[in-house]
Amino acid sequence: MMTYTVNIQLPMLRIIAFSGLFLLLFSCKTTRQPAKPMESYYTAWPEERISIINVPVRIQLRELEQSLNEQLNGILYEDKDIKDGDKMMIRAEKREDIRLKVEGQRITYRVPLKLWIRYDLGITEVEANGDLALNLKTDYTIKNDWSLETVSDIENYEWLKRPTVRLGSVNLPIGFIADIVMKNSKRIITRAIDDAVRDNLNLRQLVADTWNKMFEPLLVAPEYNTWLLVNPQTIGITPPRTSQDEIFSTIIIESRPQVTLGSRPIKIATPPPLPPLTLRDTLQSDFIIHIKTDVPYAEAERIAKAELLGETFSEGRRSVRIDDINLYGQGNKLIINTRLSGSYNGNVFLAGKPIYNSSRNTIDVKDLDFTLETRNFLHKSAGWLLKGTLRRKIQENMNFLLDYNLKELRKQLHDQLEAYPITSGIMLRGVLDDLSIQDAFLAPDAIRVDIALRGRINVQVNGLNY
């Protein structure tokens, strides 16, 4: 009888090998992992508005009068030589205080003089007394380099008391006398008024010192090491105006103020030079200051690792341990890269949006969940991780405490702005209307919180002899 043998050895071996590989893949620990989300950050940062700081400058006319009267006192002109061709000796003394008036960019004033005159009649000499008032004007302008330029001149005169002599037949040349007094006292009087105006408003020095001082960090909340940087950008001034007994103008500084927390910011070694004069017509008094508070990823990782590394999560007979955590940004979401070992070996990725929690003064991660790629991957290979407590536990430990309290910071800033000395004679005064969180966003190196302060601020200049 003929026997037939069927050779099935090769196909059977393939089936056995395939079955073994299949069982091996699904009975051993998972070694594959989901795709890592791409790291990316927004390039358009929140825009910083220009802040306006006003520096009122006022000249009190009474103070200017006082300074002028101190300079012009006693004898203002004296001619002791009767034989110099004019046949006269004249002495002119200030009779009473000088009074000023202001109209636009012109100062007008009168200088009352008491005159003593000795006149040579040829056969004898006679003496006379009289009172004369000189009417003067001073025009002032601000030059391109911020210095004050003044031009003073005598407009006319008026006799308050005409000079007379006891000899009734003698007629003194009173017009000639007045012309001599005007001519010879003009230089002394006009130079005194020009000096008084410039000395009482050394505008260039005032503006330059204010400009340079605003590049220095100002400690405005000591308890929280909070520093204000004014960061002036441009500077201008309104045309001088008058109101009752004062000349006033306003220096307008455009700036980009910032408040920083922590150690004192480094002062700019050489501030930019004072810009040339520009005239401004409009005034504003509001400001917005941004406090950019950073929680570096390295610090956030340190906080999270302290709570989570080594933690074990179980589901039935399967369990995993957290071995490492890495944080970075993708747009406006925080990516939490978590490395696990145990029944699952590999990384999982979670994403959530950082927000500011005002009740706890923390940056929290809202709506934290597995990324879509991670969720799809785990559904196929380790779905039990989706049902466990891993996600909830990570979310609970993604809260980063800020090192200041917002309400206390607002109070300190408000108190400091009421009267903050910048330098001698210059006081910063302001009102803090609002302090609020603008946003929490992700920078390449940190989770950043943008706190906005809104209010009004001015710089008060006390005194004029600067």
Protein backbone atom coordinates (compact mmCIF):
# COMPACT_ATOMS: atom_id res chain seq x y z
CA MET A 1 0.00 0.00 0.00
CA MET A 2 1.28 3.37 -0.97
CA THR A 3 1.63 5.96 1.86
CA TYR A 4 1.42 9.78 1.33
CA THR A 5 3.03 12.27 3.77
CA VAL A 6 1.82 15.93 3.93
CA ASN A 7 4.53 18.44 4.90
CA ILE A 8 2.94 21.07 7.22
CA GLN A 9 6.03 21.85 9.26
CA LEU A 10 6.84 25.30 7.85
CA PRO A 11 3.34 26.80 8.08
CA MET A 12 2.90 25.44 11.59
CA LEU A 13 6.18 26.99 12.69
CA ARG A 14 5.09 30.37 11.37
CA ILE A 15 1.79 30.17 13.24
CA ILE A 16 3.51 29.17 16.44
CA ALA A 17 6.09 31.96 16.09
CA PHE A 18 3.43 34.59 15.35
CA SER A 19 1.31 33.44 18.29
CA GLY A 20 4.32 33.63 20.57
CA LEU A 21 5.20 37.12 19.43
CA PHE A 22 1.59 38.24 19.88
CA LEU A 23 1.48 36.87 23.41
CA LEU A 24 4.86 38.41 24.15
CA LEU A 25 3.79 41.88 23.04
CA PHE A 26 0.67 41.97 25.17
CA SER A 27 1.87 40.05 28.20
CA CYS A 28 5.05 42.08 28.84
CA LYS A 29 5.43 45.75 29.93
CA THR A 30 4.50 48.38 27.36
CA THR A 31 7.55 50.01 25.86
CA ARG A 32 6.08 52.25 23.15
CA GLN A 33 4.96 55.82 23.99
CA PRO A 34 2.81 58.60 22.51
CA ALA A 35 4.19 61.39 20.35
CA LYS A 36 5.64 64.35 22.22
CA PRO A 37 3.70 67.63 21.68
CA MET A 38 5.72 70.29 19.87
CA GLU A 39 7.11 73.10 22.00
CA SER A 40 5.96 76.56 20.85
CA TYR A 41 5.32 80.03 22.24
CA TYR A 42 3.39 83.06 21.11
CA THR A 43 5.68 85.76 19.74
CA ALA A 44 3.20 88.60 20.28
CA TRP A 45 3.51 89.59 23.94
CA PRO A 46 0.83 91.70 25.60
CA GLU A 47 1.30 95.29 24.46
CA GLU A 48 2.61 97.78 27.00
CA ARG A 49 0.76 101.08 26.90
CA ILE A 50 2.66 104.31 27.08
CA SER A 51 2.24 105.96 30.47
CA ILE A 52 2.03 109.71 30.92
CA ILE A 53 3.66 111.39 33.92
CA ASN A 54 3.08 115.09 34.47
CA VAL A 55 5.60 117.32 36.21
CA PRO A 56 3.94 120.65 37.07
CA VAL A 57 6.33 123.60 37.22
CA ARG A 58 5.08 126.81 38.80
CA ILE A 59 6.70 130.16 39.42
CA GLN A 60 4.99 132.15 42.15
CA LEU A 61 5.27 135.82 41.24
CA ARG A 62 5.49 136.83 44.88
CA GLU A 63 8.60 134.66 45.28
CA LEU A 64 10.06 136.14 42.12
CA GLU A 65 9.28 139.60 43.45
CA GLN A 66 10.99 138.81 46.72
CA SER A 67 14.10 137.58 44.95
CA LEU A 68 14.17 140.63 42.68
CA ASN A 69 13.73 143.07 45.56
CA GLU A 70 16.58 141.39 47.43
CA GLN A 71 18.87 141.93 44.43
CA LEU A 72 17.70 145.48 43.66
CA ASN A 73 18.03 147.37 46.90
CA GLY A 74 19.44 150.71 47.99
CA ILE A 75 21.24 152.89 45.44
CA LEU A 76 20.76 151.70 41.88
CA TYR A 77 22.58 154.55 40.11
CA GLU A 78 24.83 157.37 41.28
CA ASP A 79 26.73 160.10 39.41
CA LYS A 80 29.10 161.97 41.74
CA ASP A 81 30.84 164.15 39.10
CA ILE A 82 29.09 167.43 38.45
CA LYS A 83 31.73 168.51 35.92
CA ASP A 84 31.35 165.57 33.52
CA GLY A 85 29.38 167.62 31.02
CA ASP A 86 25.80 167.21 32.18
CA LYS A 87 26.14 169.75 35.05
CA MET A 88 24.46 167.29 37.41
CA MET A 89 25.07 164.89 40.21
CA ILE A 90 22.32 162.26 40.51
CA ARG A 91 21.60 159.54 43.03
CA ALA A 92 18.75 157.08 42.35
CA GLU A 93 17.56 154.80 45.17
CA LYS A 94 14.78 152.24 45.15
CA ARG A 95 11.81 153.93 46.75
CA GLU A 96 9.59 150.88 47.43
CA ASP A 97 9.21 147.22 46.51
CA ILE A 98 8.94 146.24 42.88
CA ARG A 99 5.64 144.70 41.77
CA LEU A 100 5.29 142.23 38.90
CA LYS A 101 2.51 141.38 36.49
CA VAL A 102 2.45 138.61 33.89
CA GLU A 103 0.73 138.64 30.53
CA GLY A 104 1.37 135.59 28.34
CA GLN A 105 5.14 135.18 28.05
CA ARG A 106 5.88 138.71 29.21
CA ILE A 107 6.53 140.01 32.70
CA THR A 108 5.84 143.70 33.30
CA TYR A 109 6.89 145.62 36.39
CA ARG A 110 7.72 149.08 37.65
CA VAL A 111 10.72 150.21 39.65
CA PRO A 112 9.92 153.28 41.83
CA LEU A 113 13.01 155.44 42.42
CA LYS A 114 13.77 158.26 44.82
CA LEU A 115 16.02 160.87 43.19
CA TRP A 116 18.45 163.33 44.66
CA ILE A 117 19.82 165.88 42.20
CA ARG A 118 22.50 168.60 42.42
CA TYR A 119 22.36 170.98 39.45
CA ASP A 120 24.99 173.55 38.41
CA LEU A 121 23.36 176.84 37.48
CA GLY A 122 26.72 178.42 36.68
CA ILE A 123 26.58 181.00 39.45
CA THR A 124 25.52 178.53 42.08
CA GLU A 125 24.47 174.92 42.62
CA VAL A 126 21.01 173.85 43.70
CA GLU A 127 19.60 170.58 45.05
CA ALA A 128 16.30 168.93 44.29
CA ASN A 129 14.40 165.75 45.16
CA GLY A 130 11.90 163.81 43.10
CA ASP A 131 10.30 160.40 42.58
CA LEU A 132 10.44 158.56 39.27
CA ALA A 133 9.00 155.14 38.28
CA LEU A 134 10.55 153.13 35.46
CA ASN A 135 8.23 150.74 33.59
CA LEU A 136 10.00 147.61 32.32
CA LYS A 137 9.18 144.40 30.48
CA THR A 138 10.82 141.00 30.31
CA ASP A 139 10.05 138.51 27.52
CA TYR A 140 11.03 134.92 28.25
CA THR A 141 11.32 131.86 26.01
CA ILE A 142 12.47 128.26 26.50
CA LYS A 143 15.30 127.35 24.15
CA ASN A 144 15.78 124.03 22.40
CA ASP A 145 18.27 122.88 25.07
CA TRP A 146 15.72 123.60 27.86
CA SER A 147 17.52 126.70 29.07
CA LEU A 148 15.47 129.81 29.81
CA GLU A 149 16.19 132.93 27.76
CA THR A 150 15.05 136.35 28.97
CA VAL A 151 15.20 139.78 27.34
CA SER A 152 14.43 142.81 29.51
CA ASP A 153 14.05 146.45 28.53
CA ILE A 154 12.67 149.76 29.84
CA GLU A 155 9.47 150.80 28.09
CA ASN A 156 8.88 154.25 29.56
CA TYR A 157 8.83 156.27 32.76
CA GLU A 158 6.47 158.36 34.82
CA TRP A 159 7.13 161.08 37.35
CA LEU A 160 5.58 160.31 40.70
CA LYS A 161 6.93 163.60 42.08
CA ARG A 162 8.61 166.14 39.85
CA PRO A 163 11.88 167.54 41.21
CA THR A 164 11.70 171.16 42.31
CA VAL A 165 14.11 173.62 43.92
CA ARG A 166 13.47 176.35 46.40
CA LEU A 167 14.43 179.01 43.87
CA GLY A 168 11.20 179.59 42.03
CA SER A 169 12.84 180.96 38.91
CA VAL A 170 14.92 177.81 38.31
CA ASN A 171 13.50 175.29 35.82
CA LEU A 172 15.22 171.94 35.98
CA PRO A 173 15.49 169.88 32.76
CA ILE A 174 13.34 167.07 34.09
CA GLY A 175 13.15 165.28 30.73
CA PHE A 176 16.92 165.26 30.51
CA ILE A 177 17.15 164.03 34.11
CA ALA A 178 14.75 161.15 33.41
CA ASP A 179 16.67 160.15 30.29
CA ILE A 180 19.95 160.05 32.23
CA VAL A 181 18.43 157.90 34.99
CA MET A 182 16.89 155.51 32.48
CA LYS A 183 20.06 155.22 30.42
CA ASN A 184 22.39 154.61 33.34
CA SER A 185 20.19 152.35 35.46
CA LYS A 186 18.88 150.20 32.60
CA ARG A 187 21.85 147.81 32.56
CA ILE A 188 21.79 147.26 36.32
CA ILE A 189 18.03 146.77 36.58
CA THR A 190 17.51 144.60 33.49
CA ARG A 191 20.45 142.35 34.39
CA ALA A 192 19.01 141.89 37.88
CA ILE A 193 15.57 140.90 36.59
CA ASP A 194 17.07 138.48 34.01
CA ASP A 195 19.19 136.87 36.71
CA ALA A 196 16.23 136.65 39.09
CA VAL A 197 14.03 134.87 36.52
CA ARG A 198 16.77 132.40 35.52
CA ASP A 199 17.85 131.73 39.11
CA ASN A 200 14.32 131.07 40.27
CA LEU A 201 13.62 128.66 37.46
CA ASN A 202 16.72 126.77 36.46
CA LEU A 203 14.59 124.79 34.06
CA ARG A 204 17.34 122.89 32.30
CA GLN A 205 18.83 121.63 35.57
CA LEU A 206 15.39 120.71 36.90
CA VAL A 207 14.42 118.76 33.76
CA ALA A 208 17.82 117.05 33.44
CA ASP A 209 17.83 115.91 37.10
CA THR A 210 14.24 114.66 36.84
CA TRP A 211 15.03 112.79 33.59
CA ASN A 212 18.10 111.09 35.07
CA LYS A 213 16.36 110.23 38.35
CA MET A 214 13.61 108.37 36.52
CA PHE A 215 16.12 105.80 35.29
CA GLU A 216 16.87 104.78 38.88
CA PRO A 217 14.84 101.96 40.51
CA LEU A 218 12.42 103.22 43.19
CA LEU A 219 11.54 100.91 46.10
CA VAL A 220 7.75 101.35 46.36
CA ALA A 221 6.76 98.30 48.46
CA PRO A 222 9.59 97.28 50.81
CA GLU A 223 7.79 94.28 52.33
CA TYR A 224 7.60 92.57 48.94
CA ASN A 225 10.83 94.04 47.51
CA THR A 226 8.78 95.78 44.83
CA TRP A 227 10.66 98.20 42.59
CA LEU A 228 9.29 100.78 40.17
CA LEU A 229 11.20 101.55 36.99
CA VAL A 230 9.76 104.62 35.25
CA ASN A 231 11.77 104.10 32.02
CA PRO A 232 11.13 107.52 30.40
CA GLN A 233 10.96 107.48 26.61
CA THR A 234 10.27 111.09 25.61
CA ILE A 235 9.92 114.43 27.38
CA GLY A 236 8.16 117.65 26.43
CA ILE A 237 6.58 120.74 27.96
CA THR A 238 3.42 122.78 27.52
CA PRO A 239 3.80 126.47 26.60
CA PRO A 240 4.06 128.62 29.76
CA ARG A 241 0.76 130.15 30.86
CA THR A 242 -0.33 132.56 33.56
CA SER A 243 -3.01 132.38 36.22
CA GLN A 244 -3.42 135.14 38.78
CA ASP A 245 -0.07 135.41 40.53
CA GLU A 246 1.85 132.56 38.92
CA ILE A 247 3.47 131.33 35.75
CA PHE A 248 2.88 127.64 35.20
CA SER A 249 3.78 124.93 32.74
CA THR A 250 3.77 121.14 32.73
CA ILE A 251 6.61 118.83 31.79
CA ILE A 252 5.13 115.74 30.10
CA ILE A 253 7.08 112.49 30.28
CA GLU A 254 6.07 109.49 28.18
CA SER A 255 7.32 106.30 29.80
CA ARG A 256 7.01 102.54 29.95
CA PRO A 257 6.91 101.92 33.70
CA GLN A 258 7.51 98.45 35.07
CA VAL A 259 7.31 96.99 38.54
CA THR A 260 9.63 94.14 39.39
CA LEU A 261 9.72 91.92 42.45
CA GLY A 262 12.85 90.72 44.18
CA SER A 263 16.33 92.19 44.30
CA ARG A 264 17.02 95.78 43.24
CA PRO A 265 17.15 96.06 39.43
CA ILE A 266 20.48 97.09 37.97
CA LYS A 267 20.63 100.84 37.39
CA ILE A 268 21.46 102.05 33.89
CA ALA A 269 25.08 103.19 34.11
CA THR A 270 24.64 106.07 31.67
CA PRO A 271 21.06 107.27 31.09
CA PRO A 272 20.25 108.53 27.59
CA PRO A 273 20.93 112.26 27.15
CA LEU A 274 18.12 114.70 27.79
CA PRO A 275 16.09 114.97 24.55
CA PRO A 276 15.66 118.40 22.91
CA LEU A 277 12.69 120.54 23.86
CA THR A 278 9.35 119.67 22.30
CA LEU A 279 6.16 121.62 22.99
CA ARG A 280 3.00 119.71 23.87
CA ASP A 281 -0.57 120.94 23.93
CA THR A 282 -2.54 118.17 25.63
CA LEU A 283 -2.34 116.79 29.15
CA GLN A 284 -3.08 113.34 30.50
CA SER A 285 -2.68 112.00 34.00
CA ASP A 286 -3.50 108.30 33.74
CA PHE A 287 -1.02 105.47 33.73
CA ILE A 288 -0.92 101.72 33.39
CA ILE A 289 1.98 99.81 34.89
CA HIS A 290 2.61 96.13 34.23
CA ILE A 291 4.06 93.81 36.85
CA LYS A 292 5.51 90.87 34.99
CA THR A 293 5.90 88.13 37.59
CA ASP A 294 7.69 85.01 36.41
CA VAL A 295 7.59 81.47 37.75
CA PRO A 296 10.52 79.85 35.91
CA TYR A 297 9.88 76.36 34.57
CA ALA A 298 12.85 75.11 36.58
CA GLU A 299 11.23 76.40 39.78
CA ALA A 300 7.82 75.02 38.83
CA GLU A 301 9.40 71.64 38.07
CA ARG A 302 11.17 71.68 41.43
CA ILE A 303 7.89 72.31 43.25
CA ALA A 304 6.05 69.61 41.28
CA LYS A 305 8.83 67.03 41.66
CA ALA A 306 8.98 67.54 45.41
CA GLU A 307 5.37 66.38 45.60
CA LEU A 308 5.15 63.81 42.84
CA LEU A 309 8.46 62.00 42.22
CA GLY A 310 8.31 58.45 43.57
CA GLU A 311 4.51 58.47 43.85
CA THR A 312 2.94 55.15 42.82
CA PHE A 313 -0.49 54.77 41.20
CA SER A 314 -2.25 51.38 41.01
CA GLU A 315 -5.22 49.94 39.19
CA GLY A 316 -5.86 46.30 40.08
CA ARG A 317 -2.63 44.33 39.64
CA ARG A 318 -1.00 47.07 37.55
CA SER A 319 0.88 50.09 38.85
CA VAL A 320 3.23 52.86 37.72
CA ARG A 321 5.66 55.18 39.46
CA ILE A 322 6.48 58.81 38.50
CA ASP A 323 10.22 59.06 37.75
CA ASP A 324 10.50 62.52 36.24
CA ILE A 325 8.52 65.64 35.26
CA ASN A 326 9.37 68.21 32.61
CA LEU A 327 7.38 71.39 31.86
CA TYR A 328 7.24 73.54 28.71
CA GLY A 329 4.75 75.53 26.67
CA GLN A 330 2.68 74.96 23.58
CA GLY A 331 0.87 78.15 22.67
CA ASN A 332 -1.22 79.10 25.70
CA LYS A 333 -1.10 75.62 27.26
CA LEU A 334 1.37 74.18 29.74
CA ILE A 335 2.65 70.73 28.70
CA ILE A 336 3.53 68.35 31.53
CA ASN A 337 5.81 65.57 30.32
CA THR A 338 5.60 62.77 32.90
CA ARG A 339 7.93 59.75 32.74
CA LEU A 340 6.49 56.55 34.25
CA SER A 341 7.89 53.15 35.07
CA GLY A 342 6.21 49.91 36.11
CA SER A 343 3.39 48.27 34.23
CA TYR A 344 3.83 51.08 31.72
CA ASN A 345 7.32 52.26 30.80
CA GLY A 346 7.44 55.56 28.95
CA ASN A 347 6.14 59.12 28.88
CA VAL A 348 2.64 60.50 29.00
CA PHE A 349 1.77 64.11 28.19
CA LEU A 350 -0.84 66.30 29.85
CA ALA A 351 -1.88 69.84 28.92
CA GLY A 352 -3.73 72.65 30.72
CA LYS A 353 -4.04 76.44 30.75
CA PRO A 354 -2.25 78.41 33.51
CA ILE A 355 -4.53 80.84 35.36
CA TYR A 356 -4.20 83.12 38.38
CA ASN A 357 -6.21 81.99 41.42
CA SER A 358 -6.87 85.18 43.42
CA SER A 359 -8.36 83.37 46.41
CA ARG A 360 -5.20 81.29 46.95
CA ASN A 361 -2.66 83.67 45.35
CA THR A 362 -1.39 80.87 43.12
CA ILE A 363 -0.92 80.05 39.46
CA ASP A 364 -3.11 77.01 38.83
CA VAL A 365 -3.33 74.78 35.76
CA LYS A 366 -6.94 74.69 34.61
CA ASP A 367 -8.61 71.77 32.78
CA LEU A 368 -5.52 69.57 32.94
CA ASP A 369 -5.96 66.44 30.82
CA PHE A 370 -4.03 63.98 28.70
CA THR A 371 -3.17 65.29 25.26
CA LEU A 372 -5.14 63.81 22.36
CA GLU A 373 -2.13 61.81 21.17
CA THR A 374 -1.56 60.41 24.66
CA ARG A 375 -5.24 59.57 25.15
CA ASN A 376 -5.47 57.76 21.80
CA PHE A 377 -2.29 55.84 22.54
CA LEU A 378 -3.39 54.78 26.04
CA HIS A 379 -6.79 53.66 24.77
CA LYS A 380 -4.99 51.05 22.67
CA SER A 381 -2.23 50.00 25.02
CA ALA A 382 -2.82 51.11 28.63
CA GLY A 383 -6.39 52.30 28.99
CA TRP A 384 -6.32 51.61 32.74
CA LEU A 385 -4.13 54.74 33.20
CA LEU A 386 -7.01 56.86 31.90
CA LYS A 387 -9.30 55.57 34.64
CA GLY A 388 -6.91 55.93 37.56
CA THR A 389 -6.00 58.84 39.82
CA LEU A 390 -2.80 59.82 38.00
CA ARG A 391 -4.27 62.83 36.17
CA ARG A 392 -6.09 64.17 39.26
CA LYS A 393 -3.01 63.83 41.45
CA ILE A 394 -0.83 65.69 38.97
CA GLN A 395 -3.41 68.50 38.67
CA GLU A 396 -3.50 68.92 42.46
CA ASN A 397 0.24 69.52 42.47
CA MET A 398 0.35 71.98 39.59
CA ASN A 399 -0.39 75.04 41.79
CA PHE A 400 2.48 77.46 42.18
CA LEU A 401 2.31 79.94 45.06
CA LEU A 402 3.36 83.48 44.24
CA ASP A 403 5.71 85.15 46.71
CA TYR A 404 3.45 88.16 47.35
CA ASN A 405 -0.20 88.81 48.21
CA LEU A 406 -2.06 90.85 45.62
CA LYS A 407 -4.27 92.77 48.08
CA GLU A 408 -1.36 93.64 50.35
CA LEU A 409 0.76 94.66 47.36
CA ARG A 410 -1.99 97.00 46.16
CA LYS A 411 -2.26 98.62 49.59
CA GLN A 412 1.49 99.18 49.85
CA LEU A 413 1.71 100.64 46.36
CA HIS A 414 -1.27 102.91 47.06
CA ASP A 415 0.28 104.18 50.31
CA GLN A 416 3.67 104.78 48.71
CA LEU A 417 2.25 106.65 45.73
CA GLU A 418 0.52 109.17 47.98
CA ALA A 419 3.86 110.85 48.62
CA TYR A 420 7.04 109.28 47.29
CA PRO A 421 10.19 111.46 47.34
CA ILE A 422 12.21 111.17 44.12
CA THR A 423 14.88 113.67 45.08
CA SER A 424 15.21 116.89 47.04
CA GLY A 425 12.31 119.17 46.20
CA ILE A 426 10.62 116.65 43.86
CA MET A 427 7.76 114.49 45.12
CA LEU A 428 5.94 111.76 43.18
CA ARG A 429 2.22 111.71 44.02
CA GLY A 430 -0.34 109.33 42.61
CA VAL A 431 -3.59 107.48 43.10
CA LEU A 432 -3.86 103.73 42.45
CA ASP A 433 -7.35 103.14 41.05
CA ASP A 434 -7.14 99.47 40.15
CA LEU A 435 -4.84 96.46 40.36
CA SER A 436 -5.86 93.37 38.46
CA ILE A 437 -4.51 90.29 36.71
CA GLN A 438 -4.40 90.87 32.99
CA ASP A 439 -3.31 87.38 31.96
CA ALA A 440 -1.11 84.40 32.64
CA PHE A 441 0.84 83.28 29.61
CA LEU A 442 3.81 81.14 28.72
CA ALA A 443 7.20 82.61 27.90
CA PRO A 444 10.08 80.44 26.65
CA ASP A 445 11.63 80.24 30.12
CA ALA A 446 8.77 80.80 32.56
CA ILE A 447 5.09 80.95 33.37
CA ARG A 448 4.43 84.70 33.36
CA VAL A 449 1.66 86.60 35.10
CA ASP A 450 0.82 90.09 33.84
CA ILE A 451 -0.57 92.26 36.63
CA ALA A 452 -1.93 95.66 35.55
CA LEU A 453 -1.94 98.72 37.79
CA ARG A 454 -4.05 101.68 36.68
CA GLY A 455 -4.11 105.09 38.22
CA ARG A 456 -3.03 108.70 38.00
CA ILE A 457 0.39 110.08 38.78
CA ASN A 458 2.07 113.47 38.96
CA VAL A 459 5.41 114.79 40.06
CA GLN A 460 5.27 117.84 42.29
CA VAL A 461 8.14 120.32 42.27
CA ASN A 462 8.45 122.19 45.57
CA GLY A 463 10.25 125.49 45.62
CA LEU A 464 11.79 127.48 42.80
CA ASN A 465 15.42 128.11 43.76
CA TYR A 466 16.49 124.77 42.33
